[in-house]
Amino acid sequence: MMTMMKRTAPPPCLRPMLAAGCLAFALLAALAMPALAQDGGAEGAFAEGSQAESWGLLGEEKARFAGTVVDILCELTGDCPANCGGGTRQLGILREADDRLILVSKNGQPAFNGAVADLLPHCGDRIEVDGLLVGDATITPTDAKFFQVQRIRGAGGDWQKANRWTKVWAEKHPDAKGEGPWFRRDPRVLRQIEEEGYLGLGPAADAKFIAETY
């Protein structure tokens, strides 16, 4: 397994503002640069003391480390809104042990939940995290390992489970109460289905597929 790449200066096209083409580059960079393998086995050093639960994921490795919560796009481009974007930006951790930028793409909930809701209250703060580095060189050519955070501990605090996503979602969508997983009630998802159908090809394509398949 590999350690993470050091942060690099943003390409000239990203300064001072992101044009459409440069934005695409920045998004790719946010996915590809922060947590990509370069020298096998080094990440094993961060497994000490980890109490992370296995999820049976590709190339998963337990990892516990400390660092500062940052806005990844800010780190890569210098475009830095207040409060790490207030929930609109992908967040990561600048690991203090080696100054690597770690992309935190998942929290501890098994329901299509990211980690922004759990990290945002700690924007700019030093925290300790425990979770899984995930990725496999045979599947991801860049040997990328993303981080799934399961527990978070702020300065002087106790360990907290990284499971705030559904609570924050419920607060934002008080009218979406009901049974079943959140994504079956999310107004954004329902609106997208209404406009483009379940297949993304329009209601007519849905009707044809259902008629031919069921």
N, C-alpha and C. Protein backbone atom coordinates (compact mmCIF):
# COMPACT_ATOMS: atom_id res chain seq x y z
N MET A 1 0.84 -1.18 0.00
CA MET A 1 0.00 0.00 0.00
C MET A 1 0.87 1.24 0.00
N MET A 2 0.33 2.37 -0.30
CA MET A 2 1.14 3.53 -0.49
C MET A 2 0.81 4.64 0.48
N THR A 3 1.74 5.52 0.68
CA THR A 3 1.45 6.72 1.45
C THR A 3 0.78 7.72 0.54
N MET A 4 0.31 8.81 1.12
CA MET A 4 -0.40 9.79 0.34
C MET A 4 0.56 10.78 -0.30
N MET A 5 0.13 11.32 -1.43
CA MET A 5 0.94 12.29 -2.12
C MET A 5 0.97 13.60 -1.35
N LYS A 6 2.11 14.27 -1.40
CA LYS A 6 2.18 15.59 -0.78
C LYS A 6 1.38 16.58 -1.61
N ARG A 7 0.90 17.62 -0.96
CA ARG A 7 0.17 18.65 -1.67
C ARG A 7 1.08 19.33 -2.67
N THR A 8 0.53 19.65 -3.80
CA THR A 8 1.29 20.35 -4.82
C THR A 8 0.62 21.67 -5.15
N ALA A 9 1.38 22.62 -5.70
CA ALA A 9 0.81 23.91 -6.07
C ALA A 9 -0.22 23.73 -7.16
N PRO A 10 -1.32 24.47 -7.13
CA PRO A 10 -2.35 24.34 -8.15
C PRO A 10 -1.84 24.78 -9.50
N PRO A 11 -2.32 24.16 -10.59
CA PRO A 11 -1.90 24.58 -11.91
C PRO A 11 -2.34 26.01 -12.18
N PRO A 12 -1.64 26.72 -13.09
CA PRO A 12 -1.94 28.14 -13.33
C PRO A 12 -3.39 28.40 -13.69
N CYS A 13 -4.04 27.45 -14.40
CA CYS A 13 -5.41 27.72 -14.84
C CYS A 13 -6.37 27.84 -13.68
N LEU A 14 -5.96 27.41 -12.48
CA LEU A 14 -6.86 27.46 -11.34
C LEU A 14 -6.73 28.76 -10.56
N ARG A 15 -5.89 29.67 -10.99
CA ARG A 15 -5.70 30.91 -10.28
C ARG A 15 -6.18 32.08 -11.14
N PRO A 16 -6.90 33.04 -10.56
CA PRO A 16 -7.44 33.01 -9.20
C PRO A 16 -8.80 32.37 -9.12
N MET A 17 -9.48 32.19 -10.28
CA MET A 17 -10.83 31.62 -10.30
C MET A 17 -10.85 30.41 -11.20
N LEU A 18 -11.83 29.55 -10.96
CA LEU A 18 -11.94 28.32 -11.74
C LEU A 18 -12.86 28.52 -12.92
N ALA A 19 -12.30 28.42 -14.12
CA ALA A 19 -13.14 28.39 -15.32
C ALA A 19 -13.73 27.00 -15.42
N ALA A 20 -14.65 26.79 -16.34
CA ALA A 20 -15.35 25.50 -16.41
C ALA A 20 -14.39 24.35 -16.61
N GLY A 21 -13.44 24.50 -17.52
CA GLY A 21 -12.50 23.42 -17.76
C GLY A 21 -11.61 23.16 -16.58
N CYS A 22 -11.19 24.21 -15.93
CA CYS A 22 -10.31 24.05 -14.78
C CYS A 22 -11.04 23.42 -13.60
N LEU A 23 -12.35 23.70 -13.50
CA LEU A 23 -13.13 23.10 -12.43
C LEU A 23 -13.13 21.58 -12.56
N ALA A 24 -13.29 21.10 -13.81
CA ALA A 24 -13.24 19.66 -14.03
C ALA A 24 -11.90 19.11 -13.60
N PHE A 25 -10.84 19.84 -13.92
CA PHE A 25 -9.51 19.40 -13.50
C PHE A 25 -9.41 19.34 -11.99
N ALA A 26 -9.97 20.36 -11.33
CA ALA A 26 -9.88 20.42 -9.88
C ALA A 26 -10.63 19.26 -9.23
N LEU A 27 -11.79 18.91 -9.80
CA LEU A 27 -12.56 17.80 -9.24
C LEU A 27 -11.80 16.49 -9.40
N LEU A 28 -11.18 16.32 -10.56
CA LEU A 28 -10.38 15.12 -10.76
C LEU A 28 -9.21 15.10 -9.79
N ALA A 29 -8.61 16.26 -9.60
CA ALA A 29 -7.48 16.34 -8.68
C ALA A 29 -7.90 16.01 -7.27
N ALA A 30 -9.10 16.49 -6.89
CA ALA A 30 -9.58 16.22 -5.53
C ALA A 30 -9.76 14.73 -5.31
N LEU A 31 -10.14 14.02 -6.37
CA LEU A 31 -10.33 12.58 -6.25
C LEU A 31 -9.02 11.83 -6.36
N ALA A 32 -8.12 12.35 -7.18
CA ALA A 32 -6.93 11.57 -7.50
C ALA A 32 -5.73 11.91 -6.67
N MET A 33 -5.58 13.17 -6.23
CA MET A 33 -4.34 13.58 -5.59
C MET A 33 -4.23 13.29 -4.11
N PRO A 34 -5.31 13.44 -3.33
CA PRO A 34 -5.12 13.44 -1.90
C PRO A 34 -4.61 12.14 -1.32
N ALA A 35 -5.08 11.00 -1.79
CA ALA A 35 -4.79 9.78 -1.07
C ALA A 35 -4.31 8.70 -1.99
N LEU A 36 -3.22 8.97 -2.72
CA LEU A 36 -2.83 8.03 -3.74
C LEU A 36 -1.49 7.38 -3.43
N ALA A 37 -1.43 6.05 -3.72
CA ALA A 37 -0.31 5.26 -3.31
C ALA A 37 0.97 5.59 -4.03
N GLN A 38 2.06 5.59 -3.28
CA GLN A 38 3.37 5.78 -3.88
C GLN A 38 4.41 4.81 -3.35
N ASP A 39 4.35 4.40 -2.13
CA ASP A 39 5.31 3.43 -1.64
C ASP A 39 4.62 2.41 -0.76
N GLY A 40 4.67 1.16 -1.17
CA GLY A 40 3.88 0.10 -0.56
C GLY A 40 4.14 -0.10 0.91
N GLY A 41 3.07 -0.32 1.66
CA GLY A 41 3.16 -0.74 3.04
C GLY A 41 3.26 0.35 4.08
N ALA A 42 3.53 1.60 3.69
CA ALA A 42 3.78 2.64 4.68
C ALA A 42 2.55 2.96 5.52
N GLU A 43 1.36 2.79 4.96
CA GLU A 43 0.14 3.14 5.71
C GLU A 43 -0.07 2.23 6.91
N GLY A 44 0.60 1.07 6.94
CA GLY A 44 0.43 0.17 8.07
C GLY A 44 0.78 0.81 9.39
N ALA A 45 1.59 1.83 9.39
CA ALA A 45 2.00 2.50 10.62
C ALA A 45 0.82 3.15 11.32
N PHE A 46 -0.26 3.44 10.61
CA PHE A 46 -1.39 4.14 11.20
C PHE A 46 -2.45 3.19 11.76
N ALA A 47 -2.20 1.90 11.70
CA ALA A 47 -3.17 0.94 12.21
C ALA A 47 -3.11 0.79 13.73
N GLU A 48 -2.02 1.21 14.33
CA GLU A 48 -1.85 1.04 15.77
C GLU A 48 -2.94 1.79 16.55
N GLY A 49 -3.60 1.08 17.44
CA GLY A 49 -4.63 1.68 18.28
C GLY A 49 -5.99 1.81 17.63
N SER A 50 -6.11 1.43 16.37
CA SER A 50 -7.39 1.56 15.69
C SER A 50 -8.39 0.53 16.19
N GLN A 51 -9.62 0.98 16.38
CA GLN A 51 -10.72 0.09 16.74
C GLN A 51 -11.77 0.05 15.64
N ALA A 52 -11.36 0.39 14.44
CA ALA A 52 -12.30 0.42 13.31
C ALA A 52 -12.81 -0.98 13.01
N GLU A 53 -14.08 -1.05 12.63
CA GLU A 53 -14.70 -2.32 12.26
C GLU A 53 -14.50 -2.59 10.78
N SER A 54 -14.20 -3.83 10.45
CA SER A 54 -14.04 -4.20 9.05
C SER A 54 -15.39 -4.16 8.33
N TRP A 55 -15.35 -3.66 7.09
CA TRP A 55 -16.54 -3.68 6.25
C TRP A 55 -16.36 -4.65 5.08
N GLY A 56 -15.26 -5.36 5.06
CA GLY A 56 -15.00 -6.29 3.97
C GLY A 56 -14.80 -5.58 2.63
N LEU A 57 -14.23 -4.37 2.68
CA LEU A 57 -14.06 -3.58 1.47
C LEU A 57 -12.72 -3.87 0.81
N LEU A 58 -12.63 -3.56 -0.47
CA LEU A 58 -11.41 -3.82 -1.23
C LEU A 58 -10.21 -3.11 -0.62
N GLY A 59 -9.19 -3.88 -0.30
CA GLY A 59 -7.94 -3.31 0.18
C GLY A 59 -8.05 -2.52 1.46
N GLU A 60 -9.07 -2.77 2.28
CA GLU A 60 -9.25 -1.96 3.48
C GLU A 60 -8.12 -2.18 4.48
N GLU A 61 -7.73 -1.12 5.15
CA GLU A 61 -6.73 -1.18 6.22
C GLU A 61 -7.15 -0.23 7.33
N LYS A 62 -7.10 -0.71 8.55
CA LYS A 62 -7.43 0.13 9.68
C LYS A 62 -6.42 1.27 9.80
N ALA A 63 -6.92 2.45 10.18
CA ALA A 63 -6.03 3.60 10.31
C ALA A 63 -6.58 4.58 11.35
N ARG A 64 -5.71 4.98 12.24
CA ARG A 64 -6.06 5.98 13.25
C ARG A 64 -4.97 7.05 13.24
N PHE A 65 -5.39 8.31 13.08
CA PHE A 65 -4.38 9.37 12.99
C PHE A 65 -5.02 10.71 13.35
N ALA A 66 -4.18 11.71 13.51
CA ALA A 66 -4.64 13.06 13.84
C ALA A 66 -4.32 14.00 12.69
N GLY A 67 -5.11 15.06 12.59
CA GLY A 67 -4.87 16.04 11.55
C GLY A 67 -5.90 17.16 11.61
N THR A 68 -5.81 18.07 10.66
CA THR A 68 -6.69 19.23 10.60
C THR A 68 -7.73 19.05 9.51
N VAL A 69 -8.99 19.34 9.84
CA VAL A 69 -10.07 19.24 8.86
C VAL A 69 -9.97 20.41 7.89
N VAL A 70 -9.95 20.11 6.59
CA VAL A 70 -9.78 21.14 5.58
C VAL A 70 -10.77 20.94 4.43
N ASP A 71 -11.00 22.02 3.70
CA ASP A 71 -11.75 22.01 2.45
C ASP A 71 -10.78 21.59 1.36
N ILE A 72 -11.02 20.45 0.72
CA ILE A 72 -10.06 19.91 -0.24
C ILE A 72 -9.87 20.84 -1.43
N LEU A 73 -10.95 21.38 -1.97
CA LEU A 73 -10.81 22.28 -3.11
C LEU A 73 -10.03 23.52 -2.73
N CYS A 74 -10.21 24.00 -1.52
CA CYS A 74 -9.44 25.12 -1.02
C CYS A 74 -7.95 24.78 -1.00
N GLU A 75 -7.62 23.60 -0.49
CA GLU A 75 -6.22 23.19 -0.42
C GLU A 75 -5.58 23.09 -1.80
N LEU A 76 -6.36 22.66 -2.78
CA LEU A 76 -5.82 22.44 -4.12
C LEU A 76 -5.78 23.70 -4.98
N THR A 77 -6.71 24.61 -4.74
CA THR A 77 -6.85 25.73 -5.67
C THR A 77 -6.70 27.10 -5.04
N GLY A 78 -6.82 27.19 -3.72
CA GLY A 78 -6.81 28.50 -3.08
C GLY A 78 -8.17 29.17 -3.06
N ASP A 79 -9.20 28.51 -3.56
CA ASP A 79 -10.58 29.02 -3.52
C ASP A 79 -11.18 28.57 -2.20
N CYS A 80 -11.27 29.46 -1.22
CA CYS A 80 -11.55 29.06 0.15
C CYS A 80 -12.72 29.84 0.76
N PRO A 81 -13.96 29.37 0.58
CA PRO A 81 -15.10 30.03 1.23
C PRO A 81 -15.06 29.82 2.73
N ALA A 82 -15.84 30.63 3.44
CA ALA A 82 -15.89 30.53 4.90
C ALA A 82 -16.44 29.19 5.34
N ASN A 83 -16.02 28.76 6.51
CA ASN A 83 -16.53 27.54 7.14
C ASN A 83 -16.45 26.33 6.22
N CYS A 84 -15.34 26.20 5.52
CA CYS A 84 -15.11 25.04 4.64
C CYS A 84 -16.25 24.84 3.64
N GLY A 85 -16.89 25.93 3.24
CA GLY A 85 -17.96 25.83 2.25
C GLY A 85 -19.33 25.59 2.84
N GLY A 86 -19.43 25.47 4.16
CA GLY A 86 -20.73 25.33 4.81
C GLY A 86 -21.52 24.10 4.40
N GLY A 87 -20.81 23.04 4.02
CA GLY A 87 -21.49 21.80 3.64
C GLY A 87 -21.58 21.58 2.15
N THR A 88 -21.03 22.50 1.35
CA THR A 88 -21.10 22.37 -0.11
C THR A 88 -19.80 21.84 -0.71
N ARG A 89 -18.79 21.61 0.12
CA ARG A 89 -17.49 21.18 -0.37
C ARG A 89 -17.12 19.80 0.20
N GLN A 90 -16.34 19.05 -0.58
CA GLN A 90 -15.79 17.79 -0.08
C GLN A 90 -14.68 18.11 0.91
N LEU A 91 -14.70 17.48 2.07
CA LEU A 91 -13.72 17.77 3.11
C LEU A 91 -12.71 16.64 3.25
N GLY A 92 -11.58 16.98 3.81
CA GLY A 92 -10.53 16.00 4.03
C GLY A 92 -9.78 16.33 5.30
N ILE A 93 -8.71 15.59 5.53
CA ILE A 93 -7.89 15.80 6.72
C ILE A 93 -6.43 15.94 6.29
N LEU A 94 -5.81 17.03 6.74
CA LEU A 94 -4.39 17.23 6.52
C LEU A 94 -3.67 16.53 7.66
N ARG A 95 -3.15 15.35 7.38
CA ARG A 95 -2.59 14.49 8.43
C ARG A 95 -1.30 15.07 8.97
N GLU A 96 -1.24 15.24 10.27
CA GLU A 96 -0.10 15.93 10.86
C GLU A 96 1.18 15.10 10.87
N ALA A 97 1.05 13.79 10.83
CA ALA A 97 2.24 12.94 10.90
C ALA A 97 3.14 13.08 9.68
N ASP A 98 2.55 13.37 8.51
CA ASP A 98 3.35 13.42 7.29
C ASP A 98 2.89 14.50 6.31
N ASP A 99 1.99 15.40 6.76
CA ASP A 99 1.51 16.50 5.94
C ASP A 99 0.84 16.01 4.66
N ARG A 100 0.19 14.87 4.73
CA ARG A 100 -0.54 14.35 3.57
C ARG A 100 -2.00 14.75 3.64
N LEU A 101 -2.58 14.99 2.47
CA LEU A 101 -3.98 15.37 2.39
C LEU A 101 -4.82 14.13 2.13
N ILE A 102 -5.68 13.79 3.09
CA ILE A 102 -6.45 12.56 3.04
C ILE A 102 -7.90 12.87 2.64
N LEU A 103 -8.38 12.24 1.59
CA LEU A 103 -9.77 12.43 1.16
C LEU A 103 -10.68 11.53 1.97
N VAL A 104 -11.56 12.14 2.76
CA VAL A 104 -12.52 11.38 3.59
C VAL A 104 -13.82 11.32 2.80
N SER A 105 -14.10 10.16 2.23
CA SER A 105 -15.24 10.06 1.31
C SER A 105 -16.45 9.36 1.91
N LYS A 106 -16.35 8.85 3.13
CA LYS A 106 -17.45 8.05 3.70
C LYS A 106 -17.45 8.19 5.20
N ASN A 107 -18.66 8.17 5.79
CA ASN A 107 -18.74 8.11 7.24
C ASN A 107 -19.06 6.67 7.67
N GLY A 108 -19.52 6.49 8.89
CA GLY A 108 -19.71 5.13 9.41
C GLY A 108 -21.09 4.55 9.18
N GLN A 109 -21.94 5.20 8.39
CA GLN A 109 -23.30 4.71 8.15
C GLN A 109 -23.39 3.95 6.84
N PRO A 110 -24.11 2.83 6.82
CA PRO A 110 -24.20 2.01 5.60
C PRO A 110 -25.38 2.37 4.72
N ALA A 111 -25.54 3.67 4.40
CA ALA A 111 -26.73 4.08 3.65
C ALA A 111 -26.40 5.20 2.68
N PHE A 112 -25.32 5.04 1.90
CA PHE A 112 -24.92 6.04 0.91
C PHE A 112 -24.71 7.40 1.55
N ASN A 113 -23.90 7.45 2.59
CA ASN A 113 -23.67 8.68 3.34
C ASN A 113 -22.21 9.11 3.25
N GLY A 114 -21.99 10.37 2.94
CA GLY A 114 -20.64 10.92 2.94
C GLY A 114 -20.23 11.32 4.34
N ALA A 115 -19.09 12.01 4.44
CA ALA A 115 -18.55 12.35 5.75
C ALA A 115 -18.58 13.85 6.05
N VAL A 116 -19.10 14.66 5.14
CA VAL A 116 -19.08 16.11 5.35
C VAL A 116 -19.84 16.52 6.61
N ALA A 117 -20.99 15.93 6.85
CA ALA A 117 -21.79 16.29 8.02
C ALA A 117 -21.03 16.03 9.32
N ASP A 118 -20.18 15.02 9.33
CA ASP A 118 -19.43 14.69 10.53
C ASP A 118 -18.19 15.55 10.69
N LEU A 119 -17.59 15.96 9.57
CA LEU A 119 -16.35 16.73 9.63
C LEU A 119 -16.59 18.24 9.73
N LEU A 120 -17.68 18.73 9.16
CA LEU A 120 -17.91 20.17 9.08
C LEU A 120 -17.86 20.88 10.44
N PRO A 121 -18.42 20.31 11.52
CA PRO A 121 -18.34 21.00 12.81
C PRO A 121 -16.90 21.20 13.29
N HIS A 122 -15.96 20.49 12.67
CA HIS A 122 -14.56 20.58 13.07
C HIS A 122 -13.71 21.34 12.06
N CYS A 123 -14.34 22.08 11.16
CA CYS A 123 -13.61 22.80 10.11
C CYS A 123 -12.47 23.63 10.70
N GLY A 124 -11.26 23.38 10.21
CA GLY A 124 -10.09 24.11 10.67
C GLY A 124 -9.51 23.63 11.98
N ASP A 125 -10.14 22.65 12.61
CA ASP A 125 -9.68 22.15 13.91
C ASP A 125 -8.84 20.88 13.77
N ARG A 126 -8.03 20.67 14.76
CA ARG A 126 -7.28 19.42 14.85
C ARG A 126 -8.17 18.36 15.49
N ILE A 127 -8.30 17.21 14.85
CA ILE A 127 -9.08 16.11 15.40
C ILE A 127 -8.29 14.81 15.25
N GLU A 128 -8.78 13.80 15.91
CA GLU A 128 -8.24 12.45 15.74
C GLU A 128 -9.36 11.60 15.12
N VAL A 129 -9.00 10.77 14.16
CA VAL A 129 -10.00 9.95 13.49
C VAL A 129 -9.57 8.49 13.49
N ASP A 130 -10.56 7.62 13.39
CA ASP A 130 -10.33 6.19 13.35
C ASP A 130 -11.25 5.61 12.29
N GLY A 131 -10.71 4.80 11.40
CA GLY A 131 -11.54 4.24 10.34
C GLY A 131 -10.76 3.34 9.42
N LEU A 132 -11.15 3.32 8.15
CA LEU A 132 -10.55 2.41 7.17
C LEU A 132 -10.03 3.17 5.96
N LEU A 133 -8.81 2.87 5.58
CA LEU A 133 -8.31 3.29 4.28
C LEU A 133 -8.72 2.21 3.29
N VAL A 134 -9.33 2.61 2.18
CA VAL A 134 -9.95 1.65 1.26
C VAL A 134 -9.45 1.88 -0.16
N GLY A 135 -9.13 0.79 -0.82
CA GLY A 135 -8.70 0.88 -2.21
C GLY A 135 -7.81 -0.29 -2.55
N ASP A 136 -7.78 -0.67 -3.82
CA ASP A 136 -6.97 -1.81 -4.24
C ASP A 136 -6.31 -1.49 -5.58
N ALA A 137 -5.01 -1.75 -5.67
CA ALA A 137 -4.25 -1.39 -6.86
C ALA A 137 -4.73 -2.10 -8.11
N THR A 138 -5.33 -3.28 -7.95
CA THR A 138 -5.80 -4.02 -9.13
C THR A 138 -7.09 -3.42 -9.70
N ILE A 139 -7.79 -2.63 -8.89
CA ILE A 139 -9.05 -2.02 -9.32
C ILE A 139 -8.86 -0.55 -9.65
N THR A 140 -8.12 0.16 -8.81
CA THR A 140 -7.86 1.58 -9.04
C THR A 140 -6.43 1.73 -9.53
N PRO A 141 -6.23 2.02 -10.81
CA PRO A 141 -4.88 2.08 -11.39
C PRO A 141 -3.94 3.03 -10.67
N THR A 142 -4.48 4.07 -10.05
CA THR A 142 -3.63 5.03 -9.34
C THR A 142 -3.32 4.57 -7.91
N ASP A 143 -3.82 3.39 -7.54
CA ASP A 143 -3.63 2.88 -6.19
C ASP A 143 -4.24 3.80 -5.13
N ALA A 144 -5.33 4.47 -5.47
CA ALA A 144 -5.95 5.40 -4.54
C ALA A 144 -6.51 4.68 -3.33
N LYS A 145 -6.31 5.28 -2.17
CA LYS A 145 -6.95 4.79 -0.95
C LYS A 145 -7.70 5.95 -0.33
N PHE A 146 -9.00 5.82 -0.28
CA PHE A 146 -9.84 6.82 0.35
C PHE A 146 -10.08 6.41 1.81
N PHE A 147 -10.56 7.37 2.60
CA PHE A 147 -10.74 7.10 4.03
C PHE A 147 -12.21 7.07 4.39
N GLN A 148 -12.58 6.01 5.10
CA GLN A 148 -13.93 5.90 5.67
C GLN A 148 -13.80 6.12 7.17
N VAL A 149 -14.31 7.26 7.65
CA VAL A 149 -14.18 7.59 9.06
C VAL A 149 -15.31 6.95 9.86
N GLN A 150 -14.95 6.27 10.93
CA GLN A 150 -15.95 5.64 11.80
C GLN A 150 -16.08 6.33 13.14
N ARG A 151 -14.98 6.93 13.61
CA ARG A 151 -15.01 7.63 14.90
C ARG A 151 -14.19 8.92 14.78
N ILE A 152 -14.63 9.94 15.54
CA ILE A 152 -13.96 11.24 15.55
C ILE A 152 -13.81 11.70 16.99
N ARG A 153 -12.65 12.26 17.28
CA ARG A 153 -12.43 12.82 18.61
C ARG A 153 -11.83 14.21 18.49
N GLY A 154 -12.56 15.21 18.97
CA GLY A 154 -12.05 16.57 18.97
C GLY A 154 -11.10 16.79 20.13
N ALA A 155 -10.44 17.94 20.16
CA ALA A 155 -9.47 18.25 21.21
C ALA A 155 -10.13 18.20 22.58
N GLY A 156 -9.58 17.36 23.46
CA GLY A 156 -10.09 17.26 24.82
C GLY A 156 -11.43 16.57 24.96
N GLY A 157 -11.95 16.02 23.86
CA GLY A 157 -13.27 15.39 23.91
C GLY A 157 -13.21 13.88 23.91
N ASP A 158 -14.36 13.27 23.86
CA ASP A 158 -14.47 11.82 23.79
C ASP A 158 -14.67 11.39 22.34
N TRP A 159 -14.44 10.12 22.09
CA TRP A 159 -14.69 9.58 20.76
C TRP A 159 -16.18 9.64 20.46
N GLN A 160 -16.53 10.05 19.26
CA GLN A 160 -17.91 10.10 18.80
C GLN A 160 -18.03 9.31 17.51
N LYS A 161 -19.14 8.58 17.37
CA LYS A 161 -19.36 7.84 16.13
C LYS A 161 -19.62 8.82 14.98
N ALA A 162 -19.10 8.50 13.83
CA ALA A 162 -19.31 9.34 12.64
C ALA A 162 -20.61 8.91 11.97
N ASN A 163 -21.72 9.37 12.51
CA ASN A 163 -23.03 8.94 12.02
C ASN A 163 -24.04 10.09 11.98
N ARG A 164 -23.55 11.32 11.77
CA ARG A 164 -24.43 12.49 11.82
C ARG A 164 -25.22 12.71 10.53
N TRP A 165 -24.87 12.02 9.45
CA TRP A 165 -25.43 12.36 8.15
C TRP A 165 -26.96 12.33 8.14
N THR A 166 -27.55 11.24 8.60
CA THR A 166 -29.01 11.12 8.54
C THR A 166 -29.71 12.11 9.47
N LYS A 167 -29.08 12.44 10.58
CA LYS A 167 -29.66 13.44 11.48
C LYS A 167 -29.69 14.80 10.81
N VAL A 168 -28.58 15.18 10.18
CA VAL A 168 -28.51 16.46 9.48
C VAL A 168 -29.50 16.48 8.32
N TRP A 169 -29.60 15.35 7.59
CA TRP A 169 -30.55 15.26 6.48
C TRP A 169 -31.98 15.47 6.96
N ALA A 170 -32.34 14.83 8.08
CA ALA A 170 -33.70 14.95 8.62
C ALA A 170 -34.01 16.39 9.03
N GLU A 171 -33.01 17.10 9.56
CA GLU A 171 -33.21 18.49 9.95
C GLU A 171 -33.43 19.37 8.72
N LYS A 172 -32.78 19.04 7.62
CA LYS A 172 -32.92 19.82 6.39
C LYS A 172 -34.22 19.52 5.66
N HIS A 173 -34.77 18.32 5.88
CA HIS A 173 -35.96 17.90 5.14
C HIS A 173 -37.03 17.40 6.12
N PRO A 174 -37.59 18.30 6.93
CA PRO A 174 -38.57 17.89 7.95
C PRO A 174 -39.85 17.32 7.36
N ASP A 175 -40.12 17.64 6.09
CA ASP A 175 -41.35 17.14 5.47
C ASP A 175 -41.18 15.78 4.81
N ALA A 176 -39.98 15.23 4.88
CA ALA A 176 -39.71 13.96 4.20
C ALA A 176 -39.76 12.79 5.17
N LYS A 177 -40.67 12.88 6.13
CA LYS A 177 -40.79 11.81 7.11
C LYS A 177 -41.48 10.60 6.49
N GLY A 178 -41.22 9.43 7.08
CA GLY A 178 -41.84 8.22 6.57
C GLY A 178 -40.97 7.02 6.78
N GLU A 179 -41.43 5.90 6.26
CA GLU A 179 -40.69 4.66 6.40
C GLU A 179 -39.68 4.50 5.26
N GLY A 180 -38.71 3.63 5.51
CA GLY A 180 -37.75 3.32 4.46
C GLY A 180 -36.52 4.21 4.51
N PRO A 181 -35.50 3.88 3.72
CA PRO A 181 -34.25 4.65 3.71
C PRO A 181 -34.45 6.07 3.21
N TRP A 182 -33.59 6.96 3.62
CA TRP A 182 -33.73 8.38 3.32
C TRP A 182 -33.84 8.67 1.83
N PHE A 183 -33.09 7.91 1.00
CA PHE A 183 -33.04 8.25 -0.42
C PHE A 183 -34.34 7.94 -1.15
N ARG A 184 -35.23 7.18 -0.53
CA ARG A 184 -36.54 6.95 -1.15
C ARG A 184 -37.52 8.08 -0.82
N ARG A 185 -37.11 8.98 0.07
CA ARG A 185 -37.96 10.09 0.48
C ARG A 185 -37.33 11.46 0.20
N ASP A 186 -36.09 11.46 -0.22
CA ASP A 186 -35.37 12.71 -0.44
C ASP A 186 -36.01 13.50 -1.59
N PRO A 187 -36.41 14.75 -1.36
CA PRO A 187 -37.08 15.52 -2.42
C PRO A 187 -36.20 15.73 -3.65
N ARG A 188 -34.88 15.78 -3.48
CA ARG A 188 -33.98 15.94 -4.63
C ARG A 188 -34.01 14.69 -5.50
N VAL A 189 -33.98 13.52 -4.85
CA VAL A 189 -34.02 12.26 -5.59
C VAL A 189 -35.36 12.10 -6.30
N LEU A 190 -36.44 12.39 -5.58
CA LEU A 190 -37.78 12.24 -6.17
C LEU A 190 -37.97 13.20 -7.35
N ARG A 191 -37.43 14.40 -7.23
CA ARG A 191 -37.54 15.37 -8.32
C ARG A 191 -36.76 14.90 -9.55
N GLN A 192 -35.60 14.34 -9.31
CA GLN A 192 -34.78 13.84 -10.42
C GLN A 192 -35.47 12.68 -11.13
N ILE A 193 -36.09 11.79 -10.36
CA ILE A 193 -36.80 10.66 -10.95
C ILE A 193 -38.00 11.14 -11.75
N GLU A 194 -38.71 12.14 -11.22
CA GLU A 194 -39.87 12.67 -11.92
C GLU A 194 -39.47 13.30 -13.26
N GLU A 195 -38.31 13.96 -13.27
CA GLU A 195 -37.88 14.64 -14.49
C GLU A 195 -37.23 13.70 -15.50
N GLU A 196 -36.43 12.73 -14.99
CA GLU A 196 -35.63 11.93 -15.90
C GLU A 196 -35.91 10.43 -15.82
N GLY A 197 -36.80 10.02 -14.93
CA GLY A 197 -37.11 8.60 -14.80
C GLY A 197 -36.07 7.85 -14.00
N TYR A 198 -36.37 6.61 -13.69
CA TYR A 198 -35.45 5.78 -12.90
C TYR A 198 -34.19 5.46 -13.66
N LEU A 199 -34.28 5.34 -14.97
CA LEU A 199 -33.13 4.99 -15.79
C LEU A 199 -32.34 6.22 -16.23
N GLY A 200 -32.89 7.41 -15.96
CA GLY A 200 -32.24 8.62 -16.40
C GLY A 200 -32.48 8.93 -17.86
N LEU A 201 -33.41 8.23 -18.49
CA LEU A 201 -33.69 8.39 -19.92
C LEU A 201 -35.07 8.95 -20.18
N GLY A 202 -35.78 9.31 -19.12
CA GLY A 202 -37.12 9.85 -19.26
C GLY A 202 -38.19 8.84 -18.91
N PRO A 203 -39.39 9.30 -18.53
CA PRO A 203 -40.50 8.41 -18.15
C PRO A 203 -40.88 7.42 -19.24
N ALA A 204 -40.79 7.83 -20.51
CA ALA A 204 -41.17 6.93 -21.60
C ALA A 204 -40.24 5.72 -21.65
N ALA A 205 -38.96 5.96 -21.45
CA ALA A 205 -38.01 4.85 -21.44
C ALA A 205 -38.27 3.92 -20.27
N ASP A 206 -38.65 4.49 -19.11
CA ASP A 206 -39.00 3.68 -17.95
C ASP A 206 -40.18 2.77 -18.28
N ALA A 207 -41.22 3.36 -18.87
CA ALA A 207 -42.43 2.60 -19.18
C ALA A 207 -42.13 1.44 -20.15
N LYS A 208 -41.30 1.71 -21.15
CA LYS A 208 -40.94 0.68 -22.11
C LYS A 208 -40.14 -0.42 -21.45
N PHE A 209 -39.19 -0.05 -20.60
CA PHE A 209 -38.36 -1.04 -19.92
C PHE A 209 -39.20 -1.91 -19.01
N ILE A 210 -40.10 -1.31 -18.24
CA ILE A 210 -40.95 -2.08 -17.33
C ILE A 210 -41.85 -3.04 -18.09
N ALA A 211 -42.41 -2.55 -19.19
CA ALA A 211 -43.31 -3.39 -20.00
C ALA A 211 -42.57 -4.57 -20.60
N GLU A 212 -41.35 -4.38 -21.02
CA GLU A 212 -40.59 -5.44 -21.65
C GLU A 212 -39.92 -6.40 -20.67
N THR A 213 -39.74 -5.92 -19.43
CA THR A 213 -38.97 -6.70 -18.46
C THR A 213 -39.85 -7.43 -17.46
N TYR A 214 -40.99 -6.85 -17.11
CA TYR A 214 -41.83 -7.43 -16.05
C TYR A 214 -43.19 -7.87 -16.58
